[in-house]
Every structure is written in C-alpha cells, then in structure tokens.
C-alpha atoms as a PDB file:
ATOM      1  CA  MET A   1      98.681 -32.938-117.189  1.00  0.00           C
ATOM      2  CA  VAL A   2      98.035 -33.617-113.509  1.00  0.00           C
ATOM      3  CA  ARG A   3     101.021 -35.972-113.407  1.00  0.00           C
ATOM      4  CA  VAL A   4     103.327 -33.299-114.795  1.00  0.00           C
ATOM      5  CA  ILE A   5     102.209 -30.782-112.198  1.00  0.00           C
ATOM      6  CA  LEU A   6     102.555 -33.320-109.389  1.00  0.00           C
ATOM      7  CA  LEU A   7     106.014 -34.362-110.553  1.00  0.00           C
ATOM      8  CA  THR A   8     107.116 -30.729-110.800  1.00  0.00           C
ATOM      9  CA  LEU A   9     105.925 -30.022-107.264  1.00  0.00           C
ATOM     10  CA  LEU A  10     107.750 -33.066-105.924  1.00  0.00           C
ATOM     11  CA  LEU A  11     111.002 -32.119-107.625  1.00  0.00           C
ATOM     12  CA  VAL A  12     110.846 -28.518-106.428  1.00  0.00           C
ATOM     13  CA  SER A  13     110.461 -29.647-102.824  1.00  0.00           C
ATOM     14  CA  CYS A  14     113.617 -31.815-102.926  1.00  0.00           C
ATOM     15  CA  SER A  15     116.549 -30.636-100.841  1.00  0.00           C
ATOM     16  CA  ASP A  16     119.509 -32.038 -98.957  1.00  0.00           C
ATOM     17  CA  MET A  17     118.412 -33.119 -95.517  1.00  0.00           C
ATOM     18  CA  TYR A  18     120.604 -34.551 -92.772  1.00  0.00           C
ATOM     19  CA  ARG A  19     119.458 -36.609 -89.827  1.00  0.00           C
ATOM     20  CA  TYR A  20     122.223 -35.220 -87.616  1.00  0.00           C
ATOM     21  CA  PRO A  21     123.789 -31.750 -87.884  1.00  0.00           C
ATOM     22  CA  CYS A  22     127.305 -33.215 -87.980  1.00  0.00           C
ATOM     23  CA  GLN A  23     126.510 -35.172 -91.160  1.00  0.00           C
ATOM     24  CA  ASN A  24     126.450 -31.865 -93.021  1.00  0.00           C
ATOM     25  CA  PRO A  25     129.996 -30.987 -94.177  1.00  0.00           C
ATOM     26  CA  ASP A  26     129.232 -27.304 -93.569  1.00  0.00           C
ATOM     27  CA  ASN A  27     128.970 -28.001 -89.821  1.00  0.00           C
ATOM     28  CA  TRP A  28     132.192 -29.990 -89.385  1.00  0.00           C
ATOM     29  CA  ASP A  29     134.051 -26.984 -87.961  1.00  0.00           C
ATOM     30  CA  HIS A  30     131.390 -26.153 -85.347  1.00  0.00           C
ATOM     31  CA  LYS A  31     131.998 -26.843 -81.668  1.00  0.00           C
ATOM     32  CA  VAL A  32     129.171 -29.403 -81.386  1.00  0.00           C
ATOM     33  CA  CYS A  33     130.766 -31.526 -84.142  1.00  0.00           C
ATOM     34  CA  LYS A  34     134.126 -31.789 -82.396  1.00  0.00           C
ATOM     35  CA  LYS A  35     135.170 -34.108 -79.600  1.00  0.00           C
ATOM     36  CA  PRO A  36     134.335 -34.370 -76.678  1.00  0.00           C
ATOM     37  CA  TYR A  37     130.894 -32.856 -77.419  1.00  0.00           C
ATOM     38  CA  CYS A  38     129.893 -35.250 -80.191  1.00  0.00           C
ATOM     39  CA  SER A  39     131.583 -38.396 -78.862  1.00  0.00           C
ATOM     40  CA  ALA A  40     129.104 -38.801 -75.997  1.00  0.00           C
ATOM     41  CA  ASN A  41     126.227 -39.560 -78.365  1.00  0.00           C
ATOM     42  CA  GLY A  42     128.190 -40.854 -81.355  1.00  0.00           C
ATOM     43  CA  THR A  43     127.392 -38.011 -83.741  1.00  0.00           C
ATOM     44  CA  CYS A  44     130.948 -37.014 -84.647  1.00  0.00           C
ATOM     45  CA  PRO A  45     131.510 -36.534 -88.388  1.00  0.00           C
ATOM     46  CA  GLU A  46     133.952 -39.455 -88.522  1.00  0.00           C
ATOM     47  CA  ASP A  47     131.284 -41.698 -86.964  1.00  0.00           C
ATOM     48  CA  LEU A  48     128.496 -40.597 -89.280  1.00  0.00           C
ATOM     49  CA  THR A  49     130.155 -39.905 -92.625  1.00  0.00           C
ATOM     50  CA  PRO A  50     133.536 -41.635 -92.912  1.00  0.00           C
ATOM     51  CA  TYR A  51     133.354 -41.733 -96.722  1.00  0.00           C
ATOM     52  CA  GLU A  52     132.842 -37.974 -97.084  1.00  0.00           C
ATOM     53  CA  LYS A  53     135.510 -37.194 -94.492  1.00  0.00           C
ATOM     54  CA  ASN A  54     138.053 -39.320 -96.371  1.00  0.00           C
ATOM     55  CA  ILE A  55     137.269 -37.584 -99.654  1.00  0.00           C
ATOM     56  CA  ALA A  56     137.560 -34.139 -98.060  1.00  0.00           C
ATOM     57  CA  ALA A  57     140.879 -35.024 -96.430  1.00  0.00           C
ATOM     58  CA  THR A  58     142.440 -36.523 -99.560  1.00  0.00           C
ATOM     59  CA  ASN A  59     140.922 -34.170-102.125  1.00  0.00           C
ATOM     60  CA  ASN A  60     144.283 -32.616-103.038  1.00  0.00           C
ATOM     61  CA  LYS A  61     146.395 -35.776-102.791  1.00  0.00           C
ATOM     62  CA  GLN A  62     147.143 -38.172-105.632  1.00  0.00           C
ATOM     63  CA  PRO A  63     145.980 -41.710-104.877  1.00  0.00           C
ATOM     64  CA  ALA A  64     148.793 -44.148-104.166  1.00  0.00           C
ATOM     65  CA  ILE A  65     149.039 -47.110-106.523  1.00  0.00           C
ATOM     66  CA  SER A  66     149.555 -50.315-104.609  1.00  0.00           C
ATOM     67  CA  ALA A  67     151.735 -53.193-105.765  1.00  0.00           C
ATOM     68  CA  ALA A  68     148.626 -55.305-106.342  1.00  0.00           C
ATOM     69  CA  ALA A  69     147.158 -52.648-108.616  1.00  0.00           C
ATOM     70  CA  LYS A  70     150.365 -52.507-110.677  1.00  0.00           C
ATOM     71  CA  ASP A  71     150.247 -56.254-111.291  1.00  0.00           C
ATOM     72  CA  CYS A  72     146.689 -56.161-112.671  1.00  0.00           C
ATOM     73  CA  LYS A  73     146.500 -56.143-116.449  1.00  0.00           C
END
C-alpha cells in the first residue's frame, strides 16, 4: 500500500523541465533565444536541440527518398 502511494506521488510530480530556457520549443520565438543574444553563451535553440528544430522545420514536408534508399530491398 505504501509503495502505491509513493509511486503515485512520484508520478504526479513529473513534469517537463529544461536546463536552458531556449531548449523549450515555446521559447524559440523570444528575443533571448535569437542571435546575437544566445550565441554568446551557446544557448541558441539550434545549439541545444538540433533534433527538435529539424522536426519542427520539416513537419509539413514529405521526406525525400534517396537513391540509396530506393536500392534497398
């Protein structure tokens, strides 16, 4: 019973936390997350989260199929 209560409390306290404000996609349009402000300390979104930035930029585009991918069977 104690384990269930402890597990419930741990799961309720979970939330998305970011080490730097510019890692949060909601802040990417703010002034502090744009160059030259963020480039001095290396906290620009493209420096911190390149994977998420690429997904956000290509969300509406169809992925290109390369010649190597066509040859795979």
